[in-house]
């Protein structure tokens, strides 16, 4: 899936099946501990385009706007739950 580079070694991260990165929690420069979950995979949704099928720019922007709206709604729901 991807490689993690250390000063003296490269670690290959593999998965038992293909998927779409759903939630990636680490950023460049973050320190992570052994066995810490930094990413979740989910199954590809019907009709969803992934990196192996590049979309025209207009479609990619539309998908990103849709995902942005979905995430805004999710955040608002979480804030209401936390405030409630």
C-alpha atoms as a PDB file:
ATOM      1  CA  UNK A   1       0.000   0.000   0.000  1.00  0.00           C
ATOM      2  CA  UNK A   2       2.706   2.475   1.000  1.00  0.00           C
ATOM      3  CA  UNK A   3       6.163   2.720   2.526  1.00  0.00           C
ATOM      4  CA  UNK A   4       7.195   4.374   5.773  1.00  0.00           C
ATOM      5  CA  UNK A   5      10.736   5.683   5.639  1.00  0.00           C
ATOM      6  CA  UNK A   6      12.920   5.828   8.740  1.00  0.00           C
ATOM      7  CA  UNK A   7      16.475   7.112   8.970  1.00  0.00           C
ATOM      8  CA  UNK A   8      17.929   3.628   8.575  1.00  0.00           C
ATOM      9  CA  UNK A   9      15.108   1.516   7.146  1.00  0.00           C
ATOM     10  CA  UNK A  10      12.007   1.453   4.972  1.00  0.00           C
ATOM     11  CA  UNK A  11       8.901  -0.364   6.200  1.00  0.00           C
ATOM     12  CA  UNK A  12       6.360  -1.564   3.658  1.00  0.00           C
ATOM     13  CA  UNK A  13       2.773  -1.345   4.919  1.00  0.00           C
ATOM     14  CA  UNK A  14       0.465  -3.910   3.343  1.00  0.00           C
ATOM     15  CA  UNK A  15      -3.235  -4.710   3.636  1.00  0.00           C
ATOM     16  CA  UNK A  16      -5.110  -7.987   3.134  1.00  0.00           C
ATOM     17  CA  UNK A  17      -7.444  -6.375   0.588  1.00  0.00           C
ATOM     18  CA  UNK A  18      -7.811  -3.269  -1.542  1.00  0.00           C
ATOM     19  CA  UNK A  19      -9.785  -0.332  -0.238  1.00  0.00           C
ATOM     20  CA  UNK A  20     -10.163   3.428  -0.090  1.00  0.00           C
ATOM     21  CA  UNK A  21      -8.438   5.448   2.620  1.00  0.00           C
ATOM     22  CA  UNK A  22     -11.306   6.686   4.755  1.00  0.00           C
ATOM     23  CA  UNK A  23      -9.584   8.421   7.625  1.00  0.00           C
ATOM     24  CA  UNK A  24      -5.905   9.302   7.807  1.00  0.00           C
ATOM     25  CA  UNK A  25      -4.917  10.635  11.221  1.00  0.00           C
ATOM     26  CA  UNK A  26      -1.156  11.234  10.886  1.00  0.00           C
ATOM     27  CA  UNK A  27       0.561  14.214   9.333  1.00  0.00           C
ATOM     28  CA  UNK A  28       4.123  14.690   8.157  1.00  0.00           C
ATOM     29  CA  UNK A  29       6.299  15.074  11.231  1.00  0.00           C
ATOM     30  CA  UNK A  30       3.854  13.408  13.655  1.00  0.00           C
ATOM     31  CA  UNK A  31       5.309  10.937  16.120  1.00  0.00           C
ATOM     32  CA  UNK A  32       3.328   7.697  16.237  1.00  0.00           C
ATOM     33  CA  UNK A  33       3.670   4.770  18.583  1.00  0.00           C
ATOM     34  CA  UNK A  34       3.931   1.094  17.814  1.00  0.00           C
ATOM     35  CA  UNK A  35       0.573  -0.433  16.798  1.00  0.00           C
ATOM     36  CA  UNK A  36      -1.135   2.993  16.772  1.00  0.00           C
ATOM     37  CA  UNK A  37      -3.941   3.168  14.215  1.00  0.00           C
ATOM     38  CA  UNK A  38      -3.286   6.060  11.859  1.00  0.00           C
ATOM     39  CA  UNK A  39      -5.567   5.122   8.987  1.00  0.00           C
ATOM     40  CA  UNK A  40      -8.822   3.325   8.203  1.00  0.00           C
ATOM     41  CA  UNK A  41      -9.797   1.688   4.928  1.00  0.00           C
ATOM     42  CA  UNK A  42     -13.297   1.165   3.635  1.00  0.00           C
ATOM     43  CA  UNK A  43     -14.730  -0.656   0.657  1.00  0.00           C
ATOM     44  CA  UNK A  44     -15.020   1.267  -2.572  1.00  0.00           C
ATOM     45  CA  UNK A  45     -18.553   2.622  -3.085  1.00  0.00           C
ATOM     46  CA  UNK A  46     -20.456   1.810  -6.279  1.00  0.00           C
ATOM     47  CA  UNK A  47     -19.535   4.319  -8.982  1.00  0.00           C
ATOM     48  CA  UNK A  48     -16.767   5.873  -6.876  1.00  0.00           C
ATOM     49  CA  UNK A  49     -13.614   6.826  -8.712  1.00  0.00           C
ATOM     50  CA  UNK A  50     -10.271   6.206  -7.063  1.00  0.00           C
ATOM     51  CA  UNK A  51      -6.704   7.236  -7.826  1.00  0.00           C
ATOM     52  CA  UNK A  52      -6.360   4.510 -10.449  1.00  0.00           C
ATOM     53  CA  UNK A  53      -9.166   6.183 -12.425  1.00  0.00           C
ATOM     54  CA  UNK A  54      -8.347   9.904 -12.636  1.00  0.00           C
ATOM     55  CA  UNK A  55     -11.378  12.156 -13.075  1.00  0.00           C
ATOM     56  CA  UNK A  56     -11.604  15.271 -15.187  1.00  0.00           C
ATOM     57  CA  UNK A  57     -10.919  18.338 -13.017  1.00  0.00           C
ATOM     58  CA  UNK A  58     -14.562  19.491 -12.986  1.00  0.00           C
ATOM     59  CA  UNK A  59     -15.770  16.117 -11.706  1.00  0.00           C
ATOM     60  CA  UNK A  60     -13.018  15.945  -9.113  1.00  0.00           C
ATOM     61  CA  UNK A  61     -13.948  19.399  -7.801  1.00  0.00           C
ATOM     62  CA  UNK A  62     -17.615  18.392  -7.632  1.00  0.00           C
ATOM     63  CA  UNK A  63     -16.763  15.244  -5.675  1.00  0.00           C
ATOM     64  CA  UNK A  64     -14.558  17.199  -3.286  1.00  0.00           C
ATOM     65  CA  UNK A  65     -17.331  19.746  -2.697  1.00  0.00           C
ATOM     66  CA  UNK A  66     -19.770  16.912  -2.002  1.00  0.00           C
ATOM     67  CA  UNK A  67     -17.350  15.305   0.455  1.00  0.00           C
ATOM     68  CA  UNK A  68     -16.734  18.677   2.097  1.00  0.00           C
ATOM     69  CA  UNK A  69     -20.475  19.148   2.647  1.00  0.00           C
ATOM     70  CA  UNK A  70     -20.784  15.636   4.046  1.00  0.00           C
ATOM     71  CA  UNK A  71     -17.964  16.306   6.486  1.00  0.00           C
ATOM     72  CA  UNK A  72     -19.468  19.659   7.537  1.00  0.00           C
ATOM     73  CA  UNK A  73     -22.763  17.919   8.354  1.00  0.00           C
ATOM     74  CA  UNK A  74     -20.950  15.201  10.287  1.00  0.00           C
ATOM     75  CA  UNK A  75     -19.017  17.802  12.282  1.00  0.00           C
ATOM     76  CA  UNK A  76     -22.211  19.736  13.049  1.00  0.00           C
ATOM     77  CA  UNK A  77     -23.879  16.524  14.281  1.00  0.00           C
ATOM     78  CA  UNK A  78     -20.887  15.733  16.493  1.00  0.00           C
ATOM     79  CA  UNK A  79     -20.914  19.255  17.936  1.00  0.00           C
ATOM     80  CA  UNK A  80     -24.641  18.996  18.688  1.00  0.00           C
ATOM     81  CA  UNK A  81     -24.104  15.634  20.370  1.00  0.00           C
ATOM     82  CA  UNK A  82     -21.227  17.010  22.448  1.00  0.00           C
ATOM     83  CA  UNK A  83     -23.251  20.093  23.439  1.00  0.00           C
ATOM     84  CA  UNK A  84     -26.408  18.112  24.194  1.00  0.00           C
END
